Amino acid sequence: MIDDKTLAKIEKFIPKSYIKDLEDVIVYQNEDGSYELFSKYTIVKTATDDYTVYTGGTNDISFYSLKNAVAWCTYDKRNRLVDSDRIHYLDSGIVRVDAMMEQHQRLAKKANSSEAKLIYLAKLTEEKLRRKTMINEINSYVNQSKLWQTQRFNRKP
């Protein structure tokens, strides 16, 4: 995935024997704003402000957060498919919960009776707790991803 021009620049400073190891850990941003990861994944920001991960196959995956997309790539690279699926589920789940919170907030403001308002506020509180739990879980995946990437980058050839 590294283009010939970039590869030529890298080869001036790094012996060819290390290029394969470098491709295994490198993450960089292209001039067009897309990201290349591990010479296997490309992350592109779409017009709807989400991020699509292109894997070279037919299973392109959308995320609402760049850090979640990078974490997904890291887990997929490590062949930890259950964890990568969980990251995708949590990423889309947070967006769903945000939409439900917004809806219940509007309904609570419009409610005519105090009972209806209390029900909407209870649902809103429940969704806030669910969102906090999901964010904590996805952040644990993101932190483990960062740790693994750092360890891979710092290893000696």
N, C-alpha and C. Protein backbone atom coordinates (compact mmCIF):
# COMPACT_ATOMS: atom_id res chain seq x y z
N MET A 1 0.80 -1.18 0.00
CA MET A 1 0.00 0.00 0.00
C MET A 1 0.86 1.27 0.00
N ILE A 2 2.08 1.18 0.41
CA ILE A 2 2.96 2.34 0.37
C ILE A 2 3.32 2.60 -1.08
N ASP A 3 3.10 3.84 -1.54
CA ASP A 3 3.37 4.14 -2.94
C ASP A 3 4.88 4.17 -3.20
N ASP A 4 5.26 4.09 -4.48
CA ASP A 4 6.67 3.99 -4.87
C ASP A 4 7.48 5.21 -4.45
N LYS A 5 6.89 6.38 -4.52
CA LYS A 5 7.58 7.61 -4.16
C LYS A 5 7.94 7.62 -2.67
N THR A 6 6.98 7.25 -1.84
CA THR A 6 7.21 7.19 -0.41
C THR A 6 8.23 6.09 -0.08
N LEU A 7 8.11 4.95 -0.74
CA LEU A 7 9.03 3.85 -0.52
C LEU A 7 10.46 4.25 -0.88
N ALA A 8 10.64 4.99 -1.95
CA ALA A 8 11.98 5.43 -2.36
C ALA A 8 12.58 6.34 -1.29
N LYS A 9 11.78 7.23 -0.71
CA LYS A 9 12.27 8.11 0.35
C LYS A 9 12.67 7.31 1.59
N ILE A 10 11.85 6.34 1.92
CA ILE A 10 12.13 5.52 3.10
C ILE A 10 13.40 4.70 2.90
N GLU A 11 13.58 4.15 1.69
CA GLU A 11 14.75 3.31 1.41
C GLU A 11 16.07 4.07 1.48
N LYS A 12 16.03 5.39 1.38
CA LYS A 12 17.24 6.19 1.53
C LYS A 12 17.79 6.12 2.94
N PHE A 13 16.89 5.97 3.91
CA PHE A 13 17.29 6.00 5.32
C PHE A 13 17.24 4.64 6.01
N ILE A 14 16.45 3.75 5.47
CA ILE A 14 16.24 2.45 6.12
C ILE A 14 16.59 1.34 5.14
N PRO A 15 17.37 0.38 5.57
CA PRO A 15 17.71 -0.75 4.68
C PRO A 15 16.44 -1.51 4.27
N LYS A 16 16.50 -2.10 3.08
CA LYS A 16 15.34 -2.82 2.54
C LYS A 16 14.87 -3.95 3.45
N SER A 17 15.79 -4.53 4.19
CA SER A 17 15.42 -5.64 5.06
C SER A 17 14.46 -5.20 6.18
N TYR A 18 14.49 -3.91 6.53
CA TYR A 18 13.61 -3.41 7.58
C TYR A 18 12.28 -2.88 7.05
N ILE A 19 12.17 -2.73 5.72
CA ILE A 19 10.95 -2.17 5.13
C ILE A 19 9.74 -3.03 5.47
N LYS A 20 9.87 -4.35 5.39
CA LYS A 20 8.75 -5.24 5.70
C LYS A 20 8.31 -5.08 7.15
N ASP A 21 9.27 -4.96 8.06
CA ASP A 21 8.93 -4.73 9.46
C ASP A 21 8.25 -3.38 9.65
N LEU A 22 8.69 -2.39 8.90
CA LEU A 22 8.09 -1.06 8.99
C LEU A 22 6.65 -1.08 8.48
N GLU A 23 6.39 -1.78 7.38
CA GLU A 23 5.03 -1.87 6.86
C GLU A 23 4.08 -2.51 7.86
N ASP A 24 4.62 -3.35 8.72
CA ASP A 24 3.82 -4.05 9.70
C ASP A 24 3.35 -3.13 10.83
N VAL A 25 4.00 -1.99 11.04
CA VAL A 25 3.65 -1.11 12.16
C VAL A 25 3.26 0.30 11.75
N ILE A 26 3.48 0.68 10.50
CA ILE A 26 3.32 2.08 10.12
C ILE A 26 1.86 2.49 9.97
N VAL A 27 1.59 3.69 10.48
CA VAL A 27 0.29 4.34 10.33
C VAL A 27 0.60 5.76 9.89
N TYR A 28 0.04 6.17 8.75
CA TYR A 28 0.31 7.54 8.31
C TYR A 28 -0.90 8.11 7.58
N GLN A 29 -0.89 9.45 7.51
CA GLN A 29 -1.97 10.16 6.84
C GLN A 29 -1.52 10.58 5.46
N ASN A 30 -2.34 10.29 4.46
CA ASN A 30 -2.07 10.68 3.08
C ASN A 30 -2.40 12.16 2.88
N GLU A 31 -1.97 12.69 1.76
CA GLU A 31 -2.24 14.09 1.45
C GLU A 31 -3.73 14.37 1.30
N ASP A 32 -4.50 13.38 0.89
CA ASP A 32 -5.95 13.58 0.71
C ASP A 32 -6.73 13.45 2.02
N GLY A 33 -6.03 13.23 3.13
CA GLY A 33 -6.68 13.13 4.44
C GLY A 33 -7.01 11.72 4.87
N SER A 34 -6.86 10.76 3.98
CA SER A 34 -7.11 9.37 4.36
C SER A 34 -5.91 8.83 5.15
N TYR A 35 -6.12 7.70 5.80
CA TYR A 35 -5.07 7.09 6.62
C TYR A 35 -4.74 5.71 6.08
N GLU A 36 -3.47 5.37 6.10
CA GLU A 36 -2.99 4.03 5.73
C GLU A 36 -2.49 3.36 7.00
N LEU A 37 -2.92 2.13 7.23
CA LEU A 37 -2.52 1.41 8.43
C LEU A 37 -1.99 0.03 8.05
N PHE A 38 -0.82 -0.29 8.51
CA PHE A 38 -0.24 -1.63 8.42
C PHE A 38 -0.18 -2.17 6.99
N SER A 39 -0.13 -1.29 6.01
CA SER A 39 -0.11 -1.67 4.59
C SER A 39 -1.26 -2.60 4.23
N LYS A 40 -2.35 -2.49 4.97
CA LYS A 40 -3.49 -3.38 4.74
C LYS A 40 -4.82 -2.64 4.74
N TYR A 41 -4.92 -1.56 5.52
CA TYR A 41 -6.18 -0.87 5.71
C TYR A 41 -6.07 0.58 5.26
N THR A 42 -7.17 1.12 4.76
CA THR A 42 -7.27 2.54 4.43
C THR A 42 -8.53 3.07 5.10
N ILE A 43 -8.37 4.18 5.83
CA ILE A 43 -9.51 4.80 6.49
C ILE A 43 -9.77 6.14 5.80
N VAL A 44 -11.00 6.33 5.35
CA VAL A 44 -11.39 7.54 4.63
C VAL A 44 -12.58 8.19 5.34
N LYS A 45 -12.49 9.50 5.56
CA LYS A 45 -13.62 10.24 6.12
C LYS A 45 -14.62 10.49 5.00
N THR A 46 -15.89 10.17 5.26
CA THR A 46 -16.91 10.31 4.24
C THR A 46 -17.62 11.66 4.36
N ALA A 47 -18.50 11.94 3.42
CA ALA A 47 -19.24 13.20 3.40
C ALA A 47 -20.18 13.33 4.60
N THR A 48 -20.57 12.21 5.18
CA THR A 48 -21.48 12.23 6.34
C THR A 48 -20.71 12.25 7.66
N ASP A 49 -19.43 12.56 7.61
CA ASP A 49 -18.56 12.67 8.79
C ASP A 49 -18.38 11.38 9.57
N ASP A 50 -18.54 10.25 8.90
CA ASP A 50 -18.13 9.00 9.53
C ASP A 50 -16.88 8.52 8.80
N TYR A 51 -16.32 7.41 9.24
CA TYR A 51 -15.07 6.91 8.68
C TYR A 51 -15.30 5.50 8.14
N THR A 52 -14.86 5.27 6.92
CA THR A 52 -14.99 3.96 6.31
C THR A 52 -13.62 3.31 6.23
N VAL A 53 -13.55 2.07 6.70
CA VAL A 53 -12.31 1.29 6.64
C VAL A 53 -12.40 0.39 5.41
N TYR A 54 -11.46 0.57 4.50
CA TYR A 54 -11.37 -0.28 3.31
C TYR A 54 -10.27 -1.30 3.55
N THR A 55 -10.63 -2.56 3.38
CA THR A 55 -9.68 -3.63 3.66
C THR A 55 -9.14 -4.29 2.40
N GLY A 56 -9.57 -3.80 1.26
CA GLY A 56 -9.17 -4.42 0.00
C GLY A 56 -10.13 -5.51 -0.42
N GLY A 57 -11.05 -5.85 0.43
CA GLY A 57 -12.05 -6.86 0.11
C GLY A 57 -13.41 -6.22 -0.06
N THR A 58 -14.44 -7.00 0.12
CA THR A 58 -15.80 -6.49 -0.05
C THR A 58 -16.42 -6.04 1.27
N ASN A 59 -15.75 -6.26 2.38
CA ASN A 59 -16.30 -5.94 3.69
C ASN A 59 -15.80 -4.59 4.19
N ASP A 60 -16.22 -3.50 3.56
CA ASP A 60 -15.86 -2.17 4.03
C ASP A 60 -16.75 -1.85 5.23
N ILE A 61 -16.16 -1.25 6.26
CA ILE A 61 -16.86 -1.06 7.52
C ILE A 61 -16.86 0.42 7.88
N SER A 62 -18.00 0.92 8.34
CA SER A 62 -18.13 2.32 8.73
C SER A 62 -18.07 2.48 10.23
N PHE A 63 -17.41 3.56 10.67
CA PHE A 63 -17.31 3.92 12.07
C PHE A 63 -17.65 5.39 12.23
N TYR A 64 -18.08 5.77 13.40
CA TYR A 64 -18.42 7.16 13.66
C TYR A 64 -17.28 7.89 14.34
N SER A 65 -16.22 7.18 14.69
CA SER A 65 -15.07 7.78 15.35
C SER A 65 -13.79 7.23 14.72
N LEU A 66 -12.84 8.11 14.46
CA LEU A 66 -11.58 7.69 13.87
C LEU A 66 -10.80 6.77 14.81
N LYS A 67 -10.79 7.10 16.10
CA LYS A 67 -10.03 6.27 17.03
C LYS A 67 -10.61 4.86 17.12
N ASN A 68 -11.92 4.74 16.98
CA ASN A 68 -12.54 3.41 16.99
C ASN A 68 -12.20 2.64 15.72
N ALA A 69 -12.12 3.34 14.60
CA ALA A 69 -11.74 2.69 13.34
C ALA A 69 -10.30 2.19 13.42
N VAL A 70 -9.41 2.99 14.00
CA VAL A 70 -8.00 2.58 14.14
C VAL A 70 -7.90 1.39 15.10
N ALA A 71 -8.65 1.44 16.19
CA ALA A 71 -8.64 0.31 17.13
C ALA A 71 -9.15 -0.95 16.44
N TRP A 72 -10.21 -0.83 15.64
CA TRP A 72 -10.74 -1.98 14.91
C TRP A 72 -9.67 -2.57 14.01
N CYS A 73 -8.94 -1.72 13.28
CA CYS A 73 -7.88 -2.19 12.38
C CYS A 73 -6.81 -2.95 13.16
N THR A 74 -6.47 -2.42 14.32
CA THR A 74 -5.44 -3.06 15.15
C THR A 74 -5.88 -4.45 15.59
N TYR A 75 -7.11 -4.57 16.06
CA TYR A 75 -7.60 -5.88 16.50
C TYR A 75 -7.78 -6.83 15.32
N ASP A 76 -8.24 -6.31 14.18
CA ASP A 76 -8.37 -7.15 12.99
C ASP A 76 -7.00 -7.64 12.54
N LYS A 77 -6.01 -6.77 12.57
CA LYS A 77 -4.63 -7.13 12.19
C LYS A 77 -4.10 -8.26 13.08
N ARG A 78 -4.46 -8.20 14.35
CA ARG A 78 -4.02 -9.22 15.30
C ARG A 78 -4.88 -10.48 15.22
N ASN A 79 -5.87 -10.47 14.32
CA ASN A 79 -6.78 -11.59 14.14
C ASN A 79 -7.63 -11.86 15.39
N ARG A 80 -7.94 -10.79 16.12
CA ARG A 80 -8.81 -10.87 17.29
C ARG A 80 -10.20 -10.43 16.83
N LEU A 81 -10.86 -11.31 16.12
CA LEU A 81 -12.09 -10.98 15.41
C LEU A 81 -13.27 -10.73 16.34
N VAL A 82 -13.35 -11.43 17.44
CA VAL A 82 -14.44 -11.20 18.40
C VAL A 82 -14.33 -9.79 18.97
N ASP A 83 -13.10 -9.39 19.31
CA ASP A 83 -12.88 -8.04 19.84
C ASP A 83 -13.14 -6.97 18.78
N SER A 84 -12.70 -7.21 17.55
CA SER A 84 -12.94 -6.22 16.50
C SER A 84 -14.43 -6.08 16.22
N ASP A 85 -15.17 -7.19 16.25
CA ASP A 85 -16.63 -7.11 16.08
C ASP A 85 -17.27 -6.33 17.23
N ARG A 86 -16.75 -6.52 18.43
CA ARG A 86 -17.29 -5.81 19.59
C ARG A 86 -17.05 -4.31 19.46
N ILE A 87 -15.88 -3.92 18.96
CA ILE A 87 -15.58 -2.49 18.76
C ILE A 87 -16.58 -1.89 17.78
N HIS A 88 -16.84 -2.59 16.69
CA HIS A 88 -17.80 -2.09 15.70
C HIS A 88 -19.20 -1.99 16.31
N TYR A 89 -19.59 -2.99 17.07
CA TYR A 89 -20.90 -2.98 17.73
C TYR A 89 -21.01 -1.80 18.69
N LEU A 90 -19.99 -1.57 19.50
CA LEU A 90 -20.03 -0.47 20.47
C LEU A 90 -20.05 0.88 19.78
N ASP A 91 -19.26 1.03 18.72
CA ASP A 91 -19.21 2.29 17.98
C ASP A 91 -20.59 2.65 17.45
N SER A 92 -21.25 1.71 16.80
CA SER A 92 -22.59 2.00 16.26
C SER A 92 -23.62 2.09 17.39
N GLY A 93 -23.42 1.36 18.47
CA GLY A 93 -24.34 1.42 19.61
C GLY A 93 -24.33 2.78 20.29
N ILE A 94 -23.17 3.39 20.38
CA ILE A 94 -23.09 4.72 21.00
C ILE A 94 -23.88 5.73 20.18
N VAL A 95 -23.81 5.62 18.88
CA VAL A 95 -24.56 6.53 18.01
C VAL A 95 -26.06 6.30 18.18
N ARG A 96 -26.47 5.04 18.27
CA ARG A 96 -27.89 4.74 18.47
C ARG A 96 -28.38 5.31 19.80
N VAL A 97 -27.60 5.13 20.85
CA VAL A 97 -27.99 5.64 22.16
C VAL A 97 -28.05 7.16 22.15
N ASP A 98 -27.11 7.81 21.48
CA ASP A 98 -27.15 9.28 21.36
C ASP A 98 -28.44 9.74 20.70
N ALA A 99 -28.87 9.04 19.65
CA ALA A 99 -30.11 9.40 18.96
C ALA A 99 -31.32 9.20 19.87
N MET A 100 -31.35 8.12 20.63
CA MET A 100 -32.45 7.87 21.55
C MET A 100 -32.47 8.91 22.67
N MET A 101 -31.28 9.30 23.15
CA MET A 101 -31.21 10.33 24.19
C MET A 101 -31.77 11.65 23.68
N GLU A 102 -31.42 12.01 22.48
CA GLU A 102 -31.92 13.24 21.89
C GLU A 102 -33.44 13.21 21.75
N GLN A 103 -33.96 12.08 21.31
CA GLN A 103 -35.41 11.93 21.14
C GLN A 103 -36.13 12.03 22.49
N HIS A 104 -35.62 11.34 23.50
CA HIS A 104 -36.29 11.37 24.80
C HIS A 104 -36.17 12.75 25.46
N GLN A 105 -35.09 13.46 25.17
CA GLN A 105 -34.96 14.81 25.69
C GLN A 105 -36.03 15.72 25.08
N ARG A 106 -36.23 15.61 23.76
CA ARG A 106 -37.27 16.40 23.09
C ARG A 106 -38.65 16.03 23.62
N LEU A 107 -38.90 14.74 23.78
CA LEU A 107 -40.21 14.30 24.27
C LEU A 107 -40.46 14.77 25.70
N ALA A 108 -39.43 14.79 26.52
CA ALA A 108 -39.58 15.26 27.90
C ALA A 108 -39.94 16.74 27.93
N LYS A 109 -39.34 17.51 27.03
CA LYS A 109 -39.64 18.95 26.97
C LYS A 109 -41.07 19.21 26.50
N LYS A 110 -41.57 18.35 25.61
CA LYS A 110 -42.91 18.52 25.04
C LYS A 110 -44.01 17.89 25.90
N ALA A 111 -43.63 17.07 26.88
CA ALA A 111 -44.62 16.32 27.65
C ALA A 111 -45.58 17.27 28.37
N ASN A 112 -46.87 16.91 28.33
CA ASN A 112 -47.90 17.73 28.97
C ASN A 112 -48.10 17.35 30.43
N SER A 113 -47.97 16.09 30.74
CA SER A 113 -48.18 15.66 32.12
C SER A 113 -46.85 15.39 32.81
N SER A 114 -46.87 15.51 34.11
CA SER A 114 -45.64 15.27 34.87
C SER A 114 -45.25 13.79 34.84
N GLU A 115 -46.25 12.90 34.75
CA GLU A 115 -45.96 11.46 34.68
C GLU A 115 -45.20 11.12 33.39
N ALA A 116 -45.67 11.67 32.28
CA ALA A 116 -45.00 11.42 31.00
C ALA A 116 -43.58 11.99 31.02
N LYS A 117 -43.46 13.17 31.60
CA LYS A 117 -42.13 13.80 31.68
C LYS A 117 -41.19 12.94 32.52
N LEU A 118 -41.67 12.40 33.64
CA LEU A 118 -40.85 11.54 34.50
C LEU A 118 -40.43 10.26 33.77
N ILE A 119 -41.32 9.70 32.98
CA ILE A 119 -40.99 8.48 32.22
C ILE A 119 -39.88 8.77 31.22
N TYR A 120 -40.01 9.88 30.49
CA TYR A 120 -38.98 10.24 29.51
C TYR A 120 -37.65 10.55 30.19
N LEU A 121 -37.71 11.21 31.33
CA LEU A 121 -36.47 11.52 32.05
C LEU A 121 -35.81 10.26 32.62
N ALA A 122 -36.62 9.28 33.01
CA ALA A 122 -36.08 8.00 33.49
C ALA A 122 -35.40 7.26 32.34
N LYS A 123 -36.05 7.27 31.18
CA LYS A 123 -35.44 6.64 30.00
C LYS A 123 -34.15 7.35 29.62
N LEU A 124 -34.14 8.67 29.71
CA LEU A 124 -32.95 9.45 29.40
C LEU A 124 -31.81 9.11 30.36
N THR A 125 -32.11 8.98 31.63
CA THR A 125 -31.09 8.62 32.62
C THR A 125 -30.54 7.23 32.35
N GLU A 126 -31.41 6.29 32.02
CA GLU A 126 -30.99 4.93 31.69
C GLU A 126 -30.06 4.92 30.47
N GLU A 127 -30.41 5.71 29.46
CA GLU A 127 -29.59 5.78 28.25
C GLU A 127 -28.24 6.45 28.51
N LYS A 128 -28.21 7.44 29.39
CA LYS A 128 -26.94 8.07 29.75
C LYS A 128 -26.02 7.06 30.42
N LEU A 129 -26.58 6.24 31.28
CA LEU A 129 -25.79 5.20 31.95
C LEU A 129 -25.29 4.17 30.94
N ARG A 130 -26.16 3.76 30.02
CA ARG A 130 -25.78 2.80 28.99
C ARG A 130 -24.65 3.37 28.11
N ARG A 131 -24.77 4.65 27.75
CA ARG A 131 -23.75 5.31 26.93
C ARG A 131 -22.41 5.36 27.66
N LYS A 132 -22.46 5.71 28.94
CA LYS A 132 -21.22 5.79 29.74
C LYS A 132 -20.55 4.42 29.82
N THR A 133 -21.33 3.38 30.01
CA THR A 133 -20.80 2.02 30.08
C THR A 133 -20.16 1.61 28.75
N MET A 134 -20.83 1.94 27.64
CA MET A 134 -20.31 1.60 26.32
C MET A 134 -19.02 2.37 26.03
N ILE A 135 -18.98 3.64 26.40
CA ILE A 135 -17.78 4.44 26.17
C ILE A 135 -16.62 3.90 26.99
N ASN A 136 -16.87 3.52 28.24
CA ASN A 136 -15.79 2.94 29.06
C ASN A 136 -15.25 1.66 28.44
N GLU A 137 -16.14 0.82 27.94
CA GLU A 137 -15.70 -0.44 27.33
C GLU A 137 -14.90 -0.19 26.06
N ILE A 138 -15.39 0.69 25.20
CA ILE A 138 -14.67 0.94 23.95
C ILE A 138 -13.34 1.62 24.22
N ASN A 139 -13.28 2.46 25.24
CA ASN A 139 -12.01 3.10 25.60
C ASN A 139 -10.98 2.08 26.10
N SER A 140 -11.45 1.02 26.74
CA SER A 140 -10.51 -0.03 27.16
C SER A 140 -9.92 -0.73 25.93
N TYR A 141 -10.73 -0.95 24.90
CA TYR A 141 -10.22 -1.52 23.65
C TYR A 141 -9.24 -0.57 22.98
N VAL A 142 -9.57 0.72 22.96
CA VAL A 142 -8.71 1.72 22.33
C VAL A 142 -7.36 1.77 23.06
N ASN A 143 -7.39 1.76 24.38
CA ASN A 143 -6.14 1.81 25.16
C ASN A 143 -5.28 0.57 24.93
N GLN A 144 -5.90 -0.60 24.86
CA GLN A 144 -5.15 -1.83 24.57
C GLN A 144 -4.57 -1.78 23.16
N SER A 145 -5.30 -1.20 22.23
CA SER A 145 -4.82 -1.04 20.86
C SER A 145 -3.58 -0.15 20.82
N LYS A 146 -3.64 0.97 21.55
CA LYS A 146 -2.49 1.89 21.61
C LYS A 146 -1.28 1.19 22.22
N LEU A 147 -1.50 0.44 23.28
CA LEU A 147 -0.41 -0.28 23.94
C LEU A 147 0.23 -1.28 22.98
N TRP A 148 -0.59 -2.05 22.27
CA TRP A 148 -0.05 -3.03 21.32
C TRP A 148 0.73 -2.34 20.21
N GLN A 149 0.20 -1.24 19.67
CA GLN A 149 0.89 -0.51 18.62
C GLN A 149 2.23 0.03 19.11
N THR A 150 2.25 0.56 20.31
CA THR A 150 3.49 1.10 20.88
C THR A 150 4.52 -0.01 21.07
N GLN A 151 4.08 -1.14 21.58
CA GLN A 151 5.00 -2.27 21.76
C GLN A 151 5.57 -2.74 20.43
N ARG A 152 4.73 -2.81 19.41
CA ARG A 152 5.19 -3.25 18.08
C ARG A 152 6.17 -2.24 17.49
N PHE A 153 5.90 -0.97 17.68
CA PHE A 153 6.76 0.07 17.11
C PHE A 153 8.11 0.13 17.82
N ASN A 154 8.10 -0.13 19.11
CA ASN A 154 9.34 -0.02 19.90
C ASN A 154 10.20 -1.28 19.89
N ARG A 155 9.73 -2.34 19.29
CA ARG A 155 10.52 -3.57 19.30
C ARG A 155 11.78 -3.39 18.44
N LYS A 156 12.77 -4.09 18.78
CA LYS A 156 14.05 -4.01 18.05
C LYS A 156 14.03 -4.99 16.88
N PRO A 157 14.53 -4.54 15.72
CA PRO A 157 14.54 -5.42 14.56
C PRO A 157 15.52 -6.58 14.69
